[in-house]
Structures are given as structure tokens and as C-alpha cells.
């Protein structure tokens, strides 16, 4: 039996929190803990969580120092038990009700239990439009995250020694993944499940402040991947142009619709 710790951080996003919970509650595979780290919300989230009749929920509501402080709280709690941890924040959801079961099948079908699994995913815009996205090979991690963290599963014994670095306000998840996979054997300890596992809510702060996140990525690549400044800033330029073109394309599509 494989156990999962599903960490959901939330702050004043009751509608998103409810959407995430409904997705989790529909999972056919039932061996999971739902660890909710609420940042002392004032929008009714605390009251809704208090009346929630969910035996798998472990709820903390208190002020925090930001997103990655909250995620670290969830990480510490999640890794108290064996299994895998998934970070699925309020507004995000599983792709379907068999997503956890697919991960279980992938783990049990592997020659050795992987330390890190990730899948494909869908991006959801503010208008509800879904766009398919695909995980990248781990050897291309210098280009960016292999997948979104809502489609990533971290083995708890290994995750226990990792933290989100809070000096990064927007890209600490990218840094954490780099540190997590360092030293792992890509052939036996890392597994890409080539199926969509989640729907990623694109309205979060890291997406709204995407250009600022790209600047943090430069420092992370130089500090933790040891890339030279020329290559790091070259990748920044490419990502800047790609992000800018996506924004322009979305604005044009919205104007024409």
C-alpha cells in the first residue's frame, strides 16, 4: 500500500479551496492525508474548514511569512509518515478521479520504487480554458521545471531533508526540485508518467508575476546549476520573449472572441 500526503496551502481563496477539496474527495484511491495550511484567511475559509466532515483532513490555520513558509510547514508535516508528498494548492485539482491510482500503478510497475515522479498536466486560464502541457526530460532542468509541482510526487524519506528556500519569493519550487533531484539516478529513481495528472490554476501569484519569477530563475541557475552568466541570462531572454508572446497572443484571442 502506498500512502500520499497531499499538501494544500491557501489564503483567502475559499472558492479555489473548495474546488481542490472536491477533486481530492473524488479520488478512487483513498490512502491519503489532506494537509491544509491556511494563512489565517478572513474570507470564510477557516469556518468552512472547521465544519468540514473529512477524517483525512489535517488543518492548520495561522499567520505565515508567505507561500513558501506555508509550503515548508506542509512539507515538515507531510514527511512525518512514509510515502509520497504532492503539493496541490487551492484552485488546483486532479485531472480525473483516477489520478492517484495511476501514480500507484506507475510506482508498483517500476523495477524499483522511484524517489521522484512527475506527469503531464493541463493549464487552466482565468476564463476556464484548458491547454495541454507536457513534462520535460529531467536532463533539461536547466531550461525550467520538468512539470508543474501539482503533477510531481516526492518520496518522503528523501524530501525530509529538503526545504523551499524562502529568499526566493516566486521560484523557490524550481530551486527545491533542482536540489531534490541532485544525485538521483535518472534511469531508476526518476519516473515520468506520460499522462495528465492535474489541472494547474494559472491565476496564482507566480503566474501573475511571471517576469519577476524569471529574474529569480537566473540566480537559481547560476547558484544551484552552476551555469555561467552568459547562458543563464541567455535563457532569461528566451523565456522573457516566450512569456511576452504568450501574453500578447492571449490578449489577441480575447479581443477576437
C-alpha atoms as a PDB file:
ATOM      1  CA  UNK A   1       0.000   0.000   0.000  1.00  0.00           C
ATOM      2  CA  UNK A   2       1.287   3.442  -0.959  1.00  0.00           C
ATOM      3  CA  UNK A   3       0.340   6.447   1.134  1.00  0.00           C
ATOM      4  CA  UNK A   4       0.131  10.027  -0.089  1.00  0.00           C
ATOM      5  CA  UNK A   5       0.387  13.317   1.763  1.00  0.00           C
ATOM      6  CA  UNK A   6      -1.461  15.985  -0.230  1.00  0.00           C
ATOM      7  CA  UNK A   7      -0.401  19.457   0.920  1.00  0.00           C
ATOM      8  CA  UNK A   8      -2.725  22.362   0.126  1.00  0.00           C
ATOM      9  CA  UNK A   9      -1.725  25.874   1.072  1.00  0.00           C
ATOM     10  CA  UNK A  10      -4.400  28.535   0.897  1.00  0.00           C
ATOM     11  CA  UNK A  11      -5.121  32.127   1.857  1.00  0.00           C
ATOM     12  CA  UNK A  12      -8.425  33.897   1.223  1.00  0.00           C
ATOM     13  CA  UNK A  13      -9.347  31.606  -1.661  1.00  0.00           C
ATOM     14  CA  UNK A  14     -12.417  29.765  -0.426  1.00  0.00           C
ATOM     15  CA  UNK A  15     -13.797  29.008  -3.895  1.00  0.00           C
ATOM     16  CA  UNK A  16     -10.459  27.588  -5.021  1.00  0.00           C
ATOM     17  CA  UNK A  17     -10.063  25.602  -1.796  1.00  0.00           C
ATOM     18  CA  UNK A  18     -13.486  24.036  -2.252  1.00  0.00           C
ATOM     19  CA  UNK A  19     -12.687  23.135  -5.848  1.00  0.00           C
ATOM     20  CA  UNK A  20      -9.446  21.483  -4.772  1.00  0.00           C
ATOM     21  CA  UNK A  21     -11.131  19.559  -1.970  1.00  0.00           C
ATOM     22  CA  UNK A  22     -13.884  18.272  -4.251  1.00  0.00           C
ATOM     23  CA  UNK A  23     -11.225  16.969  -6.637  1.00  0.00           C
ATOM     24  CA  UNK A  24      -9.355  15.228  -3.822  1.00  0.00           C
ATOM     25  CA  UNK A  25     -12.509  13.734  -2.328  1.00  0.00           C
ATOM     26  CA  UNK A  26     -13.420  12.181  -5.691  1.00  0.00           C
ATOM     27  CA  UNK A  27     -10.217  10.148  -5.889  1.00  0.00           C
ATOM     28  CA  UNK A  28     -10.871   6.424  -6.136  1.00  0.00           C
ATOM     29  CA  UNK A  29      -7.599   5.680  -4.331  1.00  0.00           C
ATOM     30  CA  UNK A  30      -8.241   6.519  -0.692  1.00  0.00           C
ATOM     31  CA  UNK A  31      -4.896   6.110   1.096  1.00  0.00           C
ATOM     32  CA  UNK A  32      -4.013   9.747   1.577  1.00  0.00           C
ATOM     33  CA  UNK A  33      -3.777  12.558   4.121  1.00  0.00           C
ATOM     34  CA  UNK A  34      -5.001  16.023   3.179  1.00  0.00           C
ATOM     35  CA  UNK A  35      -2.771  18.562   4.911  1.00  0.00           C
ATOM     36  CA  UNK A  36      -4.240  22.054   4.730  1.00  0.00           C
ATOM     37  CA  UNK A  37      -2.059  25.023   5.663  1.00  0.00           C
ATOM     38  CA  UNK A  38      -4.260  28.116   5.785  1.00  0.00           C
ATOM     39  CA  UNK A  39      -2.653  31.517   6.292  1.00  0.00           C
ATOM     40  CA  UNK A  40      -5.306  32.815   8.715  1.00  0.00           C
ATOM     41  CA  UNK A  41      -7.866  33.544   5.999  1.00  0.00           C
ATOM     42  CA  UNK A  42     -10.666  36.040   6.589  1.00  0.00           C
ATOM     43  CA  UNK A  43     -12.947  35.090   3.675  1.00  0.00           C
ATOM     44  CA  UNK A  44     -14.829  32.232   5.357  1.00  0.00           C
ATOM     45  CA  UNK A  45     -12.234  29.547   4.613  1.00  0.00           C
ATOM     46  CA  UNK A  46     -11.495  28.935   8.299  1.00  0.00           C
ATOM     47  CA  UNK A  47     -15.173  28.484   9.111  1.00  0.00           C
ATOM     48  CA  UNK A  48     -15.719  26.209   6.117  1.00  0.00           C
ATOM     49  CA  UNK A  49     -12.757  24.041   7.080  1.00  0.00           C
ATOM     50  CA  UNK A  50     -13.979  23.865  10.691  1.00  0.00           C
ATOM     51  CA  UNK A  51     -17.321  22.384   9.669  1.00  0.00           C
ATOM     52  CA  UNK A  52     -15.853  20.052   7.054  1.00  0.00           C
ATOM     53  CA  UNK A  53     -16.586  16.452   7.908  1.00  0.00           C
ATOM     54  CA  UNK A  54     -13.401  14.991   6.426  1.00  0.00           C
ATOM     55  CA  UNK A  55     -11.471  12.460   8.538  1.00  0.00           C
ATOM     56  CA  UNK A  56      -8.440  12.622   6.205  1.00  0.00           C
ATOM     57  CA  UNK A  57      -8.031  16.383   6.677  1.00  0.00           C
ATOM     58  CA  UNK A  58      -5.309  17.791   8.954  1.00  0.00           C
ATOM     59  CA  UNK A  59      -5.948  21.521   9.175  1.00  0.00           C
ATOM     60  CA  UNK A  60      -3.711  24.329  10.408  1.00  0.00           C
ATOM     61  CA  UNK A  61      -4.817  27.955  10.239  1.00  0.00           C
ATOM     62  CA  UNK A  62      -2.308  30.563  11.358  1.00  0.00           C
ATOM     63  CA  UNK A  63      -0.406  33.539  10.015  1.00  0.00           C
ATOM     64  CA  UNK A  64       2.672  32.721   7.973  1.00  0.00           C
ATOM     65  CA  UNK A  65       5.548  34.520   6.261  1.00  0.00           C
ATOM     66  CA  UNK A  66       4.408  33.788   2.730  1.00  0.00           C
ATOM     67  CA  UNK A  67       3.789  30.985   0.240  1.00  0.00           C
ATOM     68  CA  UNK A  68       6.992  29.074   0.778  1.00  0.00           C
ATOM     69  CA  UNK A  69       6.889  29.362   4.552  1.00  0.00           C
ATOM     70  CA  UNK A  70       3.452  27.744   4.357  1.00  0.00           C
ATOM     71  CA  UNK A  71       4.722  25.080   1.949  1.00  0.00           C
ATOM     72  CA  UNK A  72       7.601  24.280   4.302  1.00  0.00           C
ATOM     73  CA  UNK A  73       5.128  23.822   7.154  1.00  0.00           C
ATOM     74  CA  UNK A  74       3.204  21.396   4.996  1.00  0.00           C
ATOM     75  CA  UNK A  75       6.398  19.613   3.926  1.00  0.00           C
ATOM     76  CA  UNK A  76       7.505  19.000   7.508  1.00  0.00           C
ATOM     77  CA  UNK A  77       4.097  17.606   8.456  1.00  0.00           C
ATOM     78  CA  UNK A  78       3.809  15.538   5.275  1.00  0.00           C
ATOM     79  CA  UNK A  79       7.146  13.785   5.699  1.00  0.00           C
ATOM     80  CA  UNK A  80       6.338  12.541   9.196  1.00  0.00           C
ATOM     81  CA  UNK A  81       4.885   9.439   7.523  1.00  0.00           C
ATOM     82  CA  UNK A  82       6.221   7.196   4.721  1.00  0.00           C
ATOM     83  CA  UNK A  83       5.004   7.555   1.160  1.00  0.00           C
ATOM     84  CA  UNK A  84       4.910  10.411  -1.318  1.00  0.00           C
ATOM     85  CA  UNK A  85       4.048  14.084  -0.988  1.00  0.00           C
ATOM     86  CA  UNK A  86       2.115  16.130  -3.531  1.00  0.00           C
ATOM     87  CA  UNK A  87       1.783  19.934  -3.322  1.00  0.00           C
ATOM     88  CA  UNK A  88      -1.647  20.879  -4.675  1.00  0.00           C
ATOM     89  CA  UNK A  89      -2.587  24.431  -3.748  1.00  0.00           C
ATOM     90  CA  UNK A  90      -6.059  25.921  -3.535  1.00  0.00           C
ATOM     91  CA  UNK A  91      -7.561  26.264  -7.008  1.00  0.00           C
ATOM     92  CA  UNK A  92      -5.625  23.319  -8.443  1.00  0.00           C
ATOM     93  CA  UNK A  93      -7.176  19.901  -8.938  1.00  0.00           C
ATOM     94  CA  UNK A  94      -6.557  16.377 -10.133  1.00  0.00           C
ATOM     95  CA  UNK A  95      -7.076  15.705 -13.814  1.00  0.00           C
ATOM     96  CA  UNK A  96      -9.613  12.968 -13.080  1.00  0.00           C
ATOM     97  CA  UNK A  97     -10.759  10.701 -10.259  1.00  0.00           C
ATOM     98  CA  UNK A  98      -8.152   8.054 -11.132  1.00  0.00           C
ATOM     99  CA  UNK A  99      -5.066  10.294 -10.938  1.00  0.00           C
ATOM    100  CA  UNK A 100      -3.737   8.877  -7.656  1.00  0.00           C
ATOM    101  CA  UNK A 101      -4.461   5.353  -8.858  1.00  0.00           C
ATOM    102  CA  UNK A 102      -2.358   5.996 -11.973  1.00  0.00           C
ATOM    103  CA  UNK A 103       0.557   7.069  -9.805  1.00  0.00           C
ATOM    104  CA  UNK A 104       0.190   3.936  -7.672  1.00  0.00           C
ATOM    105  CA  UNK A 105       0.217   1.767 -10.776  1.00  0.00           C
ATOM    106  CA  UNK A 106       3.334   3.519 -12.060  1.00  0.00           C
ATOM    107  CA  UNK A 107       5.162   3.056  -8.745  1.00  0.00           C
ATOM    108  CA  UNK A 108       4.233  -0.615  -8.355  1.00  0.00           C
ATOM    109  CA  UNK A 109       5.084  -1.295 -12.000  1.00  0.00           C
ATOM    110  CA  UNK A 110       8.576   0.187 -11.754  1.00  0.00           C
ATOM    111  CA  UNK A 111      11.606  -2.039 -11.273  1.00  0.00           C
ATOM    112  CA  UNK A 112      12.495  -0.015  -8.162  1.00  0.00           C
ATOM    113  CA  UNK A 113      10.383   2.473  -6.239  1.00  0.00           C
ATOM    114  CA  UNK A 114      11.219   5.916  -7.677  1.00  0.00           C
ATOM    115  CA  UNK A 115      12.151   8.865  -5.495  1.00  0.00           C
ATOM    116  CA  UNK A 116      10.570  11.394  -7.843  1.00  0.00           C
ATOM    117  CA  UNK A 117       7.631  11.024 -10.217  1.00  0.00           C
ATOM    118  CA  UNK A 118       6.046  13.595 -12.453  1.00  0.00           C
ATOM    119  CA  UNK A 119       3.401  13.670 -15.140  1.00  0.00           C
ATOM    120  CA  UNK A 120       1.838  15.848 -17.790  1.00  0.00           C
ATOM    121  CA  UNK A 121      -0.860  18.402 -16.986  1.00  0.00           C
ATOM    122  CA  UNK A 122      -3.376  20.966 -18.184  1.00  0.00           C
ATOM    123  CA  UNK A 123      -3.166  24.725 -17.700  1.00  0.00           C
ATOM    124  CA  UNK A 124      -6.411  26.482 -16.766  1.00  0.00           C
ATOM    125  CA  UNK A 125      -6.819  30.184 -17.573  1.00  0.00           C
ATOM    126  CA  UNK A 126      -8.944  32.644 -15.619  1.00  0.00           C
ATOM    127  CA  UNK A 127     -11.635  32.102 -18.264  1.00  0.00           C
ATOM    128  CA  UNK A 128     -11.601  28.345 -17.679  1.00  0.00           C
ATOM    129  CA  UNK A 129      -9.797  27.446 -20.922  1.00  0.00           C
ATOM    130  CA  UNK A 130      -7.687  24.274 -20.667  1.00  0.00           C
ATOM    131  CA  UNK A 131      -4.400  23.913 -22.537  1.00  0.00           C
ATOM    132  CA  UNK A 132      -2.421  20.673 -22.579  1.00  0.00           C
ATOM    133  CA  UNK A 133       1.177  20.825 -21.314  1.00  0.00           C
ATOM    134  CA  UNK A 134       3.785  18.092 -21.187  1.00  0.00           C
ATOM    135  CA  UNK A 135       6.553  17.190 -18.801  1.00  0.00           C
ATOM    136  CA  UNK A 136      10.134  17.668 -19.957  1.00  0.00           C
ATOM    137  CA  UNK A 137      13.054  15.289 -19.605  1.00  0.00           C
ATOM    138  CA  UNK A 138      14.878  15.725 -16.312  1.00  0.00           C
ATOM    139  CA  UNK A 139      18.130  16.363 -18.165  1.00  0.00           C
ATOM    140  CA  UNK A 140      16.590  19.606 -19.428  1.00  0.00           C
ATOM    141  CA  UNK A 141      16.073  21.011 -15.946  1.00  0.00           C
ATOM    142  CA  UNK A 142      18.298  23.985 -16.781  1.00  0.00           C
ATOM    143  CA  UNK A 143      15.500  25.132 -19.106  1.00  0.00           C
ATOM    144  CA  UNK A 144      12.945  25.160 -16.290  1.00  0.00           C
ATOM    145  CA  UNK A 145      10.789  22.909 -14.150  1.00  0.00           C
ATOM    146  CA  UNK A 146      10.194  19.402 -15.581  1.00  0.00           C
ATOM    147  CA  UNK A 147       6.473  19.826 -14.903  1.00  0.00           C
ATOM    148  CA  UNK A 148       4.239  21.884 -12.620  1.00  0.00           C
ATOM    149  CA  UNK A 149       4.595  20.929  -8.949  1.00  0.00           C
ATOM    150  CA  UNK A 150       0.935  19.870  -8.832  1.00  0.00           C
ATOM    151  CA  UNK A 151       1.931  16.949 -11.071  1.00  0.00           C
ATOM    152  CA  UNK A 152       5.017  15.970  -9.029  1.00  0.00           C
ATOM    153  CA  UNK A 153       5.338  13.325  -6.325  1.00  0.00           C
ATOM    154  CA  UNK A 154       8.262  13.416  -3.888  1.00  0.00           C
ATOM    155  CA  UNK A 155       9.309  10.379  -1.862  1.00  0.00           C
ATOM    156  CA  UNK A 156       9.062  11.396   1.776  1.00  0.00           C
ATOM    157  CA  UNK A 157      12.302   9.973   3.184  1.00  0.00           C
ATOM    158  CA  UNK A 158      14.263  11.978   0.611  1.00  0.00           C
ATOM    159  CA  UNK A 159      12.029  15.054   0.823  1.00  0.00           C
ATOM    160  CA  UNK A 160      12.510  15.213   4.584  1.00  0.00           C
ATOM    161  CA  UNK A 161      15.969  16.733   4.046  1.00  0.00           C
ATOM    162  CA  UNK A 162      14.830  19.423   1.575  1.00  0.00           C
ATOM    163  CA  UNK A 163      13.206  22.814   2.124  1.00  0.00           C
ATOM    164  CA  UNK A 164      11.812  25.601  -0.048  1.00  0.00           C
ATOM    165  CA  UNK A 165      14.359  28.432   0.113  1.00  0.00           C
ATOM    166  CA  UNK A 166      12.408  31.477   1.229  1.00  0.00           C
ATOM    167  CA  UNK A 167      14.870  34.006  -0.176  1.00  0.00           C
ATOM    168  CA  UNK A 168      13.092  33.249  -3.459  1.00  0.00           C
ATOM    169  CA  UNK A 169       9.560  34.629  -3.325  1.00  0.00           C
ATOM    170  CA  UNK A 170       8.317  33.211  -6.638  1.00  0.00           C
ATOM    171  CA  UNK A 171      10.655  30.434  -7.857  1.00  0.00           C
ATOM    172  CA  UNK A 172      11.561  28.537  -4.694  1.00  0.00           C
ATOM    173  CA  UNK A 173       9.759  25.472  -6.100  1.00  0.00           C
ATOM    174  CA  UNK A 174      12.160  25.419  -9.074  1.00  0.00           C
ATOM    175  CA  UNK A 175      15.128  25.612  -6.699  1.00  0.00           C
ATOM    176  CA  UNK A 176      13.681  22.899  -4.458  1.00  0.00           C
ATOM    177  CA  UNK A 177      13.243  20.499  -7.362  1.00  0.00           C
ATOM    178  CA  UNK A 178      16.828  21.077  -8.523  1.00  0.00           C
ATOM    179  CA  UNK A 179      18.082  20.238  -5.046  1.00  0.00           C
ATOM    180  CA  UNK A 180      15.723  17.273  -4.678  1.00  0.00           C
ATOM    181  CA  UNK A 181      16.810  15.502  -7.886  1.00  0.00           C
ATOM    182  CA  UNK A 182      20.526  16.218  -7.444  1.00  0.00           C
ATOM    183  CA  UNK A 183      22.341  12.904  -7.184  1.00  0.00           C
ATOM    184  CA  UNK A 184      19.329  10.781  -8.163  1.00  0.00           C
ATOM    185  CA  UNK A 185      19.753   8.164 -10.875  1.00  0.00           C
ATOM    186  CA  UNK A 186      17.531   9.308 -13.718  1.00  0.00           C
ATOM    187  CA  UNK A 187      17.141   5.739 -15.008  1.00  0.00           C
ATOM    188  CA  UNK A 188      15.963   4.115 -11.777  1.00  0.00           C
ATOM    189  CA  UNK A 189      14.913   6.837  -9.319  1.00  0.00           C
ATOM    190  CA  UNK A 190      13.071   9.323 -11.547  1.00  0.00           C
ATOM    191  CA  UNK A 191       9.934   8.442 -13.478  1.00  0.00           C
ATOM    192  CA  UNK A 192       7.956  10.492 -15.992  1.00  0.00           C
ATOM    193  CA  UNK A 193       4.351   9.284 -16.179  1.00  0.00           C
ATOM    194  CA  UNK A 194       3.244  10.273 -19.662  1.00  0.00           C
ATOM    195  CA  UNK A 195      -0.348  11.068 -18.829  1.00  0.00           C
ATOM    196  CA  UNK A 196      -2.035  14.222 -17.453  1.00  0.00           C
ATOM    197  CA  UNK A 197      -2.232  14.156 -13.663  1.00  0.00           C
ATOM    198  CA  UNK A 198      -3.557  17.602 -12.725  1.00  0.00           C
ATOM    199  CA  UNK A 199      -5.139  20.856 -13.813  1.00  0.00           C
ATOM    200  CA  UNK A 200      -2.982  23.819 -12.840  1.00  0.00           C
ATOM    201  CA  UNK A 201      -4.752  27.076 -11.942  1.00  0.00           C
ATOM    202  CA  UNK A 202      -2.901  29.804 -13.853  1.00  0.00           C
ATOM    203  CA  UNK A 203      -4.217  32.679 -11.724  1.00  0.00           C
ATOM    204  CA  UNK A 204      -1.702  32.196  -8.878  1.00  0.00           C
ATOM    205  CA  UNK A 205       0.854  34.802  -7.858  1.00  0.00           C
ATOM    206  CA  UNK A 206       3.817  33.116  -9.578  1.00  0.00           C
ATOM    207  CA  UNK A 207       1.959  33.383 -12.873  1.00  0.00           C
ATOM    208  CA  UNK A 208       0.762  36.955 -12.297  1.00  0.00           C
ATOM    209  CA  UNK A 209       4.359  37.971 -11.555  1.00  0.00           C
ATOM    210  CA  UNK A 210       5.941  35.770 -14.182  1.00  0.00           C
ATOM    211  CA  UNK A 211       8.608  38.265 -15.291  1.00  0.00           C
ATOM    212  CA  UNK A 212       9.822  38.702 -11.707  1.00  0.00           C
ATOM    213  CA  UNK A 213       9.963  34.911 -11.373  1.00  0.00           C
ATOM    214  CA  UNK A 214      12.143  34.717 -14.486  1.00  0.00           C
ATOM    215  CA  UNK A 215      14.668  37.028 -12.817  1.00  0.00           C
ATOM    216  CA  UNK A 216      14.813  34.724  -9.799  1.00  0.00           C
ATOM    217  CA  UNK A 217      15.396  31.792 -12.155  1.00  0.00           C
ATOM    218  CA  UNK A 218      18.601  33.447 -13.387  1.00  0.00           C
ATOM    219  CA  UNK A 219      20.066  33.430  -9.881  1.00  0.00           C
ATOM    220  CA  UNK A 220      18.904  29.853  -9.244  1.00  0.00           C
ATOM    221  CA  UNK A 221      20.533  28.598 -12.441  1.00  0.00           C
ATOM    222  CA  UNK A 222      23.816  30.276 -11.581  1.00  0.00           C
ATOM    223  CA  UNK A 223      23.779  29.295  -7.898  1.00  0.00           C
ATOM    224  CA  UNK A 224      22.399  25.743  -7.998  1.00  0.00           C
ATOM    225  CA  UNK A 225      23.059  24.561 -11.553  1.00  0.00           C
ATOM    226  CA  UNK A 226      26.384  26.405 -11.810  1.00  0.00           C
ATOM    227  CA  UNK A 227      25.530  27.904 -15.188  1.00  0.00           C
ATOM    228  CA  UNK A 228      27.660  30.774 -16.393  1.00  0.00           C
ATOM    229  CA  UNK A 229      26.154  34.241 -16.570  1.00  0.00           C
ATOM    230  CA  UNK A 230      26.046  34.228 -20.376  1.00  0.00           C
ATOM    231  CA  UNK A 231      23.972  31.051 -20.549  1.00  0.00           C
ATOM    232  CA  UNK A 232      21.785  31.978 -17.562  1.00  0.00           C
ATOM    233  CA  UNK A 233      20.910  35.382 -18.977  1.00  0.00           C
ATOM    234  CA  UNK A 234      20.518  33.916 -22.450  1.00  0.00           C
ATOM    235  CA  UNK A 235      17.851  31.549 -21.095  1.00  0.00           C
ATOM    236  CA  UNK A 236      16.255  34.509 -19.322  1.00  0.00           C
ATOM    237  CA  UNK A 237      15.979  36.321 -22.634  1.00  0.00           C
ATOM    238  CA  UNK A 238      14.398  33.340 -24.362  1.00  0.00           C
ATOM    239  CA  UNK A 239      11.875  32.824 -21.552  1.00  0.00           C
ATOM    240  CA  UNK A 240      11.119  36.566 -21.472  1.00  0.00           C
ATOM    241  CA  UNK A 241      10.290  36.597 -25.172  1.00  0.00           C
ATOM    242  CA  UNK A 242       8.256  33.383 -24.906  1.00  0.00           C
ATOM    243  CA  UNK A 243       6.226  34.720 -21.964  1.00  0.00           C
ATOM    244  CA  UNK A 244       5.666  38.075 -23.648  1.00  0.00           C
ATOM    245  CA  UNK A 245       4.470  36.379 -26.835  1.00  0.00           C
ATOM    246  CA  UNK A 246       2.013  34.228 -24.860  1.00  0.00           C
ATOM    247  CA  UNK A 247       0.569  37.308 -23.174  1.00  0.00           C
ATOM    248  CA  UNK A 248       0.147  39.083 -26.494  1.00  0.00           C
ATOM    249  CA  UNK A 249      -1.418  36.009 -28.087  1.00  0.00           C
ATOM    250  CA  UNK A 250      -3.883  35.596 -25.215  1.00  0.00           C
ATOM    251  CA  UNK A 251      -4.849  39.271 -25.386  1.00  0.00           C
ATOM    252  CA  UNK A 252      -5.420  38.980 -29.127  1.00  0.00           C
ATOM    253  CA  UNK A 253      -7.532  35.829 -28.757  1.00  0.00           C
ATOM    254  CA  UNK A 254      -9.622  37.527 -26.057  1.00  0.00           C
ATOM    255  CA  UNK A 255     -10.137  40.581 -28.250  1.00  0.00           C
ATOM    256  CA  UNK A 256     -11.230  38.458 -31.224  1.00  0.00           C
ATOM    257  CA  UNK A 257     -13.556  36.210 -29.229  1.00  0.00           C
END
